[in-house]
Each structure stands twice: as structure tokens, then as C-alpha cells.
Protein backbone atom coordinates (compact mmCIF):
# COMPACT_ATOMS: atom_id res chain seq x y z
CA MET A 1 -4.47 -11.18 12.80
CA GLN A 2 -7.07 -8.54 12.16
CA LEU A 3 -6.92 -4.80 10.58
CA ASN A 4 -6.90 -1.81 13.19
CA SER A 5 -9.66 -0.32 11.35
CA PRO A 6 -11.45 2.73 13.06
CA SER A 7 -14.75 1.97 10.86
CA ASP A 8 -17.04 -0.83 9.73
CA ARG A 9 -15.92 -0.07 6.24
CA LEU A 10 -13.08 -2.47 6.22
CA GLN A 11 -12.55 -6.09 6.98
CA VAL A 12 -9.28 -8.34 6.28
CA VAL A 13 -9.79 -12.20 5.47
CA ALA A 14 -6.98 -14.66 5.63
CA SER A 15 -8.07 -17.35 3.85
CA PRO A 16 -6.49 -20.81 2.59
CA VAL A 17 -9.09 -21.17 0.16
CA PHE A 18 -8.22 -18.02 -1.60
CA GLU A 19 -4.38 -18.58 -1.26
CA LEU A 20 -5.02 -22.26 -2.81
CA LEU A 21 -6.86 -20.96 -5.62
CA ALA A 22 -4.36 -17.86 -6.08
CA ILE A 23 -1.64 -20.56 -6.32
CA MET A 24 -3.32 -22.55 -8.84
CA PHE A 25 -3.87 -20.05 -10.98
CA ARG A 26 -0.29 -18.71 -10.59
CA VAL A 27 1.04 -22.27 -11.33
CA HIS A 28 -0.73 -22.77 -14.69
CA ALA A 29 -0.53 -19.31 -15.84
CA HIS A 30 2.33 -17.51 -14.58
CA GLU A 31 3.94 -16.30 -17.76
CA HIS A 32 0.32 -14.41 -18.66
CA LEU A 33 0.27 -12.85 -15.16
CA LEU A 34 3.69 -11.70 -15.56
CA LYS A 35 3.07 -9.98 -19.19
CA HIS A 36 -0.07 -8.68 -18.09
CA HIS A 37 0.32 -7.29 -14.66
CA THR A 38 3.83 -6.84 -13.64
CA ARG A 39 4.91 -3.12 -14.09
CA ASP A 40 8.72 -3.66 -15.41
CA ILE A 41 8.35 -6.91 -17.09
CA SER A 42 12.35 -6.46 -17.38
CA VAL A 43 12.85 -6.94 -13.81
CA GLN A 44 11.91 -10.63 -13.48
CA PRO A 45 10.92 -11.92 -10.13
CA LEU A 46 13.33 -14.57 -10.09
CA GLU A 47 12.46 -16.32 -6.87
CA LEU A 48 8.84 -16.52 -7.92
CA ASN A 49 9.98 -17.86 -11.62
CA HIS A 50 12.07 -20.60 -9.67
CA TRP A 51 9.15 -21.51 -7.60
CA VAL A 52 7.01 -22.03 -10.27
CA GLU A 53 9.39 -23.96 -11.99
CA ARG A 54 9.65 -26.39 -8.96
CA LYS A 55 6.05 -26.86 -8.83
CA ARG A 56 5.33 -27.44 -12.55
CA SER A 57 8.31 -29.86 -12.08
CA MET A 58 6.56 -31.75 -9.40
CA ILE A 59 2.81 -31.94 -10.18
CA PRO A 60 1.98 -34.84 -12.58
CA GLU A 61 1.15 -33.92 -15.97
CA ALA A 62 -2.41 -35.19 -15.46
CA ILE A 63 -2.87 -32.68 -12.92
CA ARG A 64 -1.40 -29.68 -14.87
CA LYS A 65 -3.91 -30.83 -17.83
CA GLU A 66 -6.83 -29.73 -15.45
CA LEU A 67 -5.20 -26.78 -14.19
CA ALA A 68 -4.94 -25.75 -17.67
CA VAL A 69 -9.00 -26.45 -18.26
CA PHE A 70 -10.04 -24.46 -14.99
CA PHE A 71 -7.41 -21.86 -14.56
CA ASP A 72 -6.74 -20.80 -18.19
CA PHE A 73 -5.66 -16.90 -18.31
CA GLU A 74 -8.65 -16.11 -20.93
CA SER A 75 -11.46 -17.88 -18.91
CA TYR A 76 -10.02 -18.44 -15.28
CA PHE A 77 -13.28 -20.56 -14.38
CA GLY A 78 -11.60 -21.87 -11.40
CA LEU A 79 -11.26 -18.72 -9.80
CA THR A 80 -15.08 -18.23 -9.60
CA LEU A 81 -14.82 -20.42 -6.31
CA ILE A 82 -13.52 -17.36 -4.63
CA TRP A 83 -17.06 -15.94 -5.02
CA PHE A 84 -18.52 -19.34 -4.27
CA ALA A 85 -16.45 -19.72 -0.84
CA TRP A 86 -17.49 -16.29 0.26
CA LYS A 87 -20.82 -16.60 -0.19
CA HIS A 88 -21.31 -19.49 1.51
CA GLU A 89 -18.63 -18.55 4.55
CA VAL A 90 -16.45 -21.34 3.49
CA HIS A 91 -13.63 -19.44 2.60
CA ASP A 92 -11.78 -20.48 6.08
CA SER A 93 -11.49 -23.93 5.33
CA LEU A 94 -10.62 -26.08 2.19
CA ASP A 95 -12.61 -28.93 3.64
CA SER A 96 -15.46 -27.05 4.13
CA LEU A 97 -15.11 -25.63 0.41
CA THR A 98 -14.93 -29.32 -0.78
CA GLU A 99 -17.92 -30.48 1.34
CA LYS A 100 -20.06 -27.67 0.22
CA LEU A 101 -19.46 -28.37 -3.25
CA LEU A 102 -20.33 -31.90 -2.65
CA ASP A 103 -23.59 -30.75 -1.29
CA THR A 104 -24.62 -27.95 -3.79
CA PRO A 105 -26.44 -29.46 -6.88
CA SER A 106 -24.79 -28.59 -10.10
CA GLN A 107 -27.57 -26.58 -11.31
CA GLU A 108 -27.30 -24.13 -8.31
CA TRP A 109 -23.59 -24.46 -8.69
CA PHE A 110 -22.55 -23.82 -12.25
CA PRO A 111 -23.92 -20.21 -12.45
CA PHE A 112 -21.11 -19.38 -10.21
CA LEU A 113 -18.75 -20.59 -13.05
CA LEU A 114 -20.26 -17.85 -15.50
CA GLN A 115 -19.36 -14.72 -13.10
CA THR A 116 -15.96 -14.20 -14.40
CA GLY A 117 -16.82 -10.51 -15.99
CA TYR A 118 -16.81 -12.22 -19.48
CA PHE A 119 -20.49 -12.12 -19.61
CA VAL A 120 -23.40 -9.49 -19.57
CA HIS A 121 -26.27 -11.48 -17.50
CA LYS A 122 -29.71 -10.26 -18.65
CA ASN A 123 -32.34 -12.09 -16.76
CA VAL A 124 -30.90 -15.41 -17.90
CA ASP A 125 -32.42 -18.58 -16.74
CA ASP A 126 -29.52 -20.45 -15.52
CA HIS A 127 -31.39 -23.94 -15.72
CA ASP A 128 -32.60 -23.42 -19.38
CA PRO A 129 -29.79 -24.73 -21.63
CA ALA A 130 -31.00 -22.80 -24.56
CA GLN A 131 -30.44 -19.58 -22.68
CA VAL A 132 -27.23 -20.47 -20.80
CA HIS A 133 -25.84 -21.51 -24.61
CA ALA A 134 -26.77 -18.17 -25.87
CA LEU A 135 -25.26 -16.38 -22.82
CA ILE A 136 -21.90 -18.18 -23.32
CA GLN A 137 -21.92 -17.35 -27.23
CA SER A 138 -22.67 -13.84 -26.54
CA SER A 139 -19.82 -13.31 -24.26
CA ASN A 140 -16.23 -12.14 -24.76
CA LEU A 141 -14.59 -15.21 -24.18
CA PRO A 142 -12.09 -16.37 -27.00
CA GLU A 143 -14.00 -18.85 -29.20
CA ALA A 144 -11.82 -21.96 -27.70
CA GLU A 145 -13.22 -20.87 -24.27
CA LYS A 146 -16.70 -20.65 -25.57
CA TRP A 147 -16.57 -24.60 -26.59
CA LYS A 148 -15.14 -24.94 -23.33
CA ALA A 149 -17.71 -23.30 -21.17
CA THR A 150 -20.48 -25.18 -23.27
CA TYR A 151 -19.22 -28.13 -22.91
CA LEU A 152 -18.48 -27.93 -18.99
CA PHE A 153 -22.36 -26.61 -18.83
CA ILE A 154 -23.56 -29.93 -20.56
CA HIS A 155 -21.44 -31.97 -18.39
CA ALA A 156 -22.06 -30.04 -15.12
CA ASP A 157 -22.12 -32.79 -12.78
CA GLN A 158 -18.95 -34.19 -13.98
CA THR A 159 -17.26 -30.44 -14.10
CA LYS A 160 -17.78 -29.79 -10.23
CA GLN A 161 -16.35 -33.39 -9.76
CA ARG A 162 -13.36 -32.76 -11.51
CA LEU A 163 -13.16 -29.29 -9.83
CA ILE A 164 -13.28 -31.05 -6.32
CA GLN A 165 -11.08 -33.87 -7.37
CA LEU A 166 -8.62 -31.13 -8.80
CA ILE A 167 -8.46 -29.21 -5.37
CA GLN A 168 -7.82 -32.70 -3.68
CA ASP A 169 -5.02 -33.72 -6.01
CA ILE A 170 -3.01 -30.47 -5.97
CA ARG A 171 -3.39 -30.18 -2.33
CA PRO A 172 -0.20 -32.58 -1.32
CA TYR A 173 2.09 -30.78 -3.78
CA VAL A 174 1.48 -27.25 -2.08
CA GLU A 175 0.46 -28.06 1.42
CA ASP A 176 4.22 -26.66 2.53
CA ASP A 177 3.65 -23.56 0.51
CA LEU A 178 0.29 -22.93 1.76
CA ASN A 179 0.98 -23.05 5.23
CA GLN A 180 4.14 -20.60 4.70
CA TYR A 181 2.16 -18.17 2.55
CA MET A 182 -0.77 -18.30 5.45
CA GLN A 183 2.31 -16.95 7.77
CA LEU A 184 3.19 -14.40 5.33
CA GLN A 185 -0.39 -13.46 4.97
CA ASN A 186 -0.28 -12.60 8.83
CA GLU A 187 2.81 -10.52 8.33
CA HIS A 188 1.04 -8.67 5.63
CA VAL A 189 -2.00 -7.66 7.83
CA GLN A 190 0.82 -6.15 10.23
CA THR A 191 2.10 -4.11 7.29
CA LEU A 192 -1.71 -2.87 6.27
CA ASN A 193 -1.87 -1.84 9.97
CA ARG A 194 1.61 0.16 10.29
CA TYR A 195 0.36 2.09 6.91
CA MET A 196 -3.19 3.11 8.40
CA GLU A 197 -1.47 4.15 11.69
CA GLU A 198 1.24 6.34 9.70
CA HIS A 199 -1.05 7.61 6.96
CA GLY A 200 -4.86 7.11 8.28
CA GLU A 201 -7.91 5.29 6.94
CA ASP A 202 -8.71 7.65 4.09
CA ALA A 203 -5.10 7.33 2.33
CA PHE A 204 -5.70 3.85 3.18
CA MET A 205 -8.70 3.27 1.25
CA GLN A 206 -7.51 5.35 -1.58
CA ILE A 207 -4.59 2.74 -2.14
CA PHE A 208 -7.37 -0.06 -2.53
CA LYS A 209 -9.49 2.47 -4.71
CA THR A 210 -6.83 3.00 -7.20
CA MET A 211 -6.10 -1.14 -7.23
CA LEU A 212 -10.19 -1.18 -8.03
CA GLN A 213 -9.48 1.40 -10.62
CA MET A 214 -12.73 3.09 -9.15
CA GLU A 215 -13.99 6.29 -7.65
CA THR A 216 -17.23 6.43 -5.81
CA LYS A 217 -17.90 9.82 -6.66
CA GLY A 218 -20.06 11.02 -3.28
CA GLU A 219 -21.74 7.50 -3.54
CA GLU A 220 -21.91 5.94 -0.20
CA PRO A 221 -19.24 3.30 -0.64
CA LEU A 222 -19.72 -0.32 -0.18
CA LYS A 223 -17.81 -2.62 2.77
CA LEU A 224 -14.58 -3.40 1.37
CA VAL A 225 -13.21 -6.81 2.23
CA LEU A 226 -9.47 -7.41 1.90
CA ALA A 227 -7.96 -10.59 1.18
CA PRO A 228 -4.37 -10.67 0.73
CA THR A 229 -2.39 -13.45 -0.98
CA ILE A 230 1.13 -14.34 -1.67
CA ALA A 231 0.52 -16.32 -4.95
CA PHE A 232 -1.28 -13.30 -6.82
CA TYR A 233 1.65 -11.33 -6.48
CA ASP A 234 1.05 -8.31 -8.14
CA THR A 235 -2.41 -9.49 -9.51
CA HIS A 236 -5.97 -9.04 -8.22
CA SER A 237 -9.13 -10.23 -8.36
CA TYR A 238 -12.64 -8.88 -7.17
CA SER A 239 -16.35 -9.34 -6.82
CA GLU A 240 -18.81 -6.81 -6.12
CA LEU A 241 -21.73 -8.24 -3.93
CA ASN A 242 -24.68 -6.83 -2.53
CA ASP A 243 -23.25 -5.48 0.77
CA CYS A 244 -19.47 -5.24 -0.25
CA ILE A 245 -16.55 -5.79 -2.36
CA LEU A 246 -14.11 -8.73 -1.98
CA LEU A 247 -10.72 -7.84 -3.11
CA VAL A 248 -8.05 -10.52 -3.20
CA TYR A 249 -4.81 -9.20 -4.12
CA GLY A 250 -1.57 -9.79 -4.09
CA SER A 251 0.96 -8.44 -1.68
CA LYS A 252 3.18 -7.13 -4.04
CA LYS A 253 0.28 -5.46 -5.46
CA PHE A 254 -0.22 -3.14 -2.41
CA GLU A 255 3.72 -2.35 -2.39
CA ALA A 256 3.48 -0.97 -5.84
CA CYS A 257 -0.16 1.12 -5.30
CA SER A 258 1.23 2.55 -1.94
CA THR A 259 4.08 4.18 -3.90
CA GLN A 260 3.20 7.62 -4.28
CA THR A 261 6.00 10.11 -5.92
CA MET A 262 6.36 9.51 -9.75
CA ASP A 263 10.41 8.69 -9.88
CA LYS A 264 12.69 8.10 -13.21
CA ALA A 265 11.71 4.37 -13.50
CA GLN A 266 7.89 5.56 -13.31
CA ILE A 267 8.37 8.03 -15.98
CA LEU A 268 9.85 5.30 -18.39
CA SER A 269 7.22 3.06 -17.19
CA ALA A 270 4.90 6.03 -18.57
CA PHE A 271 6.67 6.21 -21.86
CA LYS A 272 5.98 2.25 -22.34
CA ILE A 273 2.36 2.34 -21.30
CA LEU A 274 1.79 4.79 -23.83
CA ALA A 275 3.67 3.48 -26.66
CA ASP A 276 0.47 1.26 -27.37
CA GLU A 277 -1.87 1.62 -30.35
CA LYS A 278 -4.59 -0.17 -28.36
CA ARG A 279 -4.22 2.11 -25.25
CA LEU A 280 -4.14 5.65 -27.14
CA GLU A 281 -7.31 4.33 -28.81
CA ILE A 282 -9.02 3.48 -25.74
CA ILE A 283 -8.24 7.19 -24.42
CA ARG A 284 -9.49 8.31 -27.74
CA LEU A 285 -12.94 6.42 -27.51
CA LEU A 286 -13.19 7.50 -23.72
CA ARG A 287 -12.72 11.35 -24.71
CA GLN A 288 -16.32 10.62 -26.57
CA GLY A 289 -17.93 9.27 -23.44
CA PRO A 290 -17.84 6.82 -20.73
CA LEU A 291 -17.64 3.25 -21.52
CA TYR A 292 -17.60 -0.05 -19.48
CA GLY A 293 -15.09 -2.80 -20.07
CA TYR A 294 -17.25 -5.19 -21.89
CA GLU A 295 -18.08 -2.39 -24.63
CA LEU A 296 -14.42 -1.46 -25.35
CA ALA A 297 -13.57 -4.79 -25.33
CA GLN A 298 -16.14 -5.21 -28.28
CA ARG A 299 -15.44 -1.83 -30.07
CA LEU A 300 -11.43 -2.62 -30.07
CA ASN A 301 -12.26 -6.60 -31.04
CA LEU A 302 -10.22 -7.74 -27.90
CA SER A 303 -10.46 -10.06 -25.30
CA ASN A 304 -11.84 -8.77 -21.93
CA SER A 305 -8.40 -9.84 -20.27
CA THR A 306 -6.32 -7.73 -22.77
CA VAL A 307 -8.67 -4.96 -22.24
CA SER A 308 -8.50 -5.13 -18.66
CA HIS A 309 -4.93 -5.14 -18.86
CA HIS A 310 -4.74 -1.76 -20.84
CA LEU A 311 -6.95 -0.19 -18.87
CA SER A 312 -5.25 -1.30 -15.73
CA SER A 313 -2.18 0.42 -16.77
CA LEU A 314 -3.84 3.52 -17.92
CA VAL A 315 -5.64 3.96 -14.33
CA SER A 316 -2.22 3.70 -12.70
CA LEU A 317 -1.35 6.45 -14.57
CA GLY A 318 -4.13 8.22 -13.17
CA ILE A 319 -5.47 9.30 -16.73
CA ILE A 320 -8.52 7.40 -16.92
CA GLU A 321 -10.82 6.56 -13.75
CA ALA A 322 -13.30 4.02 -13.23
CA VAL A 323 -16.57 5.00 -11.64
CA ARG A 324 -19.05 2.59 -10.26
CA LYS A 325 -22.87 3.11 -11.49
CA GLU A 326 -25.12 0.77 -10.39
CA ASN A 327 -23.65 -2.72 -11.50
CA ARG A 328 -21.30 -1.80 -13.77
CA ILE A 329 -17.96 0.14 -13.73
CA TYR A 330 -17.51 2.62 -16.20
CA TYR A 331 -14.04 4.07 -17.26
CA GLU A 332 -13.74 8.03 -17.84
CA HIS A 333 -11.29 10.43 -19.66
CA ARG A 334 -9.46 12.88 -17.31
CA ALA A 335 -7.79 15.54 -19.50
CA ASP A 336 -6.46 17.01 -16.35
CA GLN A 337 -4.43 14.09 -15.48
CA ILE A 338 -3.15 13.81 -18.92
CA GLU A 339 -2.23 17.30 -18.83
CA LYS A 340 -0.15 16.71 -15.52
CA LEU A 341 1.64 13.50 -16.85
CA MET A 342 2.63 14.83 -20.07
CA GLU A 343 4.08 17.94 -18.26
CA GLN A 344 6.40 15.57 -15.95
CA MET A 345 6.95 13.41 -19.24
CA ARG A 346 7.85 16.95 -20.97
CA ILE A 347 10.29 17.82 -17.84
CA ALA A 348 11.96 14.30 -17.99
CA LEU A 349 13.09 14.93 -21.75
CA ILE A 350 14.02 18.73 -21.87
CA GLY A 351 14.06 19.70 -18.12
CA THR A 352 12.21 22.58 -16.59
């Protein structure tokens, strides 16, 4: 199933590799994902909760422990295989992925593990242990994850073998789910096609710009490669490569972003989003000038994942925006949108 796009700036891929990685992340980090991404936590996705419980009860403890190593919410090293698989064109086959991992020397593979957004790469020689160690120590990872990253680097050969073994071990427990989810991926592409036919490509692109928290502001946009998954639910992850942005997202995320009108539930959500001291501090900092995520995390003494959660919430309200400048995404304050939001909240409180 392909996306019926009239231009070459959009592409959709159905990937069992991306879906399996999303499943692995979901099984381990489900509660964290709900807390950080589900818009209204009071509305629990019961079917998803039950699915996670069933999977956890089926999967042996030894495998769950390995999931905790590679799919921790504060580091998510295992998800970097998305970028690895795409770059080496093995995203359409789990067997091809494992074969490519086996064939790739550990020194060439390990740098992919550090492409999580927690690291600021400044001409680091990935083959130099001292430089890699310094990179890890300067990252915005929690202390325990820094120690883990250092251990994984020192034992890079063993790390790669463990990750390959984990993929092989978990497949029998999720094979049926994976087959079903691949069918649902195709159904989701049909939904994308219908939306594009009804609203046009520009409106369609704007949904994913919102999801990416990004405005190009006149720059020539990179090609956007869409990779829907079911297990991500309302989570997304993206990698900005030389020629494209690879966006792996949950199908529920598209549903949320394609809702245009702000109803009573969304007004209530806005009050909840703004009733947080750290988010108000982010707005105050951005009033002074644009900052990128790592800078905000450092100034607020928060982890990247926590700052990303706050930024995502504020971007969803339209009161800050993200602008790509060279290889970084900067966040900017939008005073006009804040005024519009305050007016809608005022009306909700006291009427017109």
C-alpha cells in the first residue's frame, strides 16, 4: 500500500523492523509512554494496557531484563536501530537486519547507539575510547544510563551480540502481533490517502510538521518519509538524515494531530498543560530568545526526555514552535498564539 502523493516530497514505508522495535519499546516502557505522550491520562487505552500485561506475562524474565537494558525510557538505545536499518536499507526484513548487524564491525555499528538526541557530537572520533567516554559523560543522560552506555561501549562486541539475541528471542512471543500490526499499517495508509484526497497535500504536510514540532520558515523542506506503527500508539520518533526526515509514529498520533478544532476537552487539556511550573519556565526562557532542546534541559536541570515531553505539550498548543536551523532544532516563543489561547481560555471561564 503506497501513499497517493502528487509530489516526490512524501514517502510512506511499511516496516516490520520499525514495528518490532516499537513493540519492544512499548512492552518495556508502556507506563512512561502513557505518562509522557497520552494527552488525557484519565482516558486510559484499556485494550493497549491489557495487551502489554499479556505480553509481559508471556515473555520470560531474562528477556524482559534485556529489554530494560536497551529500551529504557531515559536512553532508548535499542530504538537507534531504526536509523541503522534505514541507512543500510534493511528495514523491510528482520532477517536482513540481523544479518547486517552480524556483518557490521562493532566499531562501525556502535556510533549508531549514541544517536539518541542526548549527545552533542563535536567532531568525536568514535574509535577513540577516551573521546567516546568524554562524549558520554557530557551527555544529558541520567547518571545510571551514562554508566550503562560506557559499559556497552567497552563491551561493544558483546553488546551487539546481546541486541541481536534479544531480537531473535522476542520474535516468537510477538510474531502474531507483528503480522496483525502490519495489516493495520496498510489500513492506516488508506486513512492517510483519504485525508490527503479530502484536504490536500499542504494540509496533510502541516499535520506532520506539527507532529515534528517544526516549521521550515521558507527553507526548502527535506523529503518526509512516514513510517506508521501500531505499537507506538501516540508516540513518535524521528531521525533527520542528509536527504530526508524519517518519522516513525504511532497511528493514534495522526488521529490526534489531525483534529483541527479546539473543543471543551482540549481547553481542559490546555489548562492542565499550563499548570506546570517547568512549562511556564520554558515559556519564560524562550521569551528571551530561541533555544534548542539540550540547552533547555541543561538550564532546567532536567533530562532530555522530560524536556521533550514538556516541549511536545507546549507545541501541541501552538504557543511555541520549533524551527530547524542547520543541524539543530530551535524552539521559539509565539506571543500571538499565546494571546489567542488565553482568549479561548477566558471565554471558557467567563463566556464571551
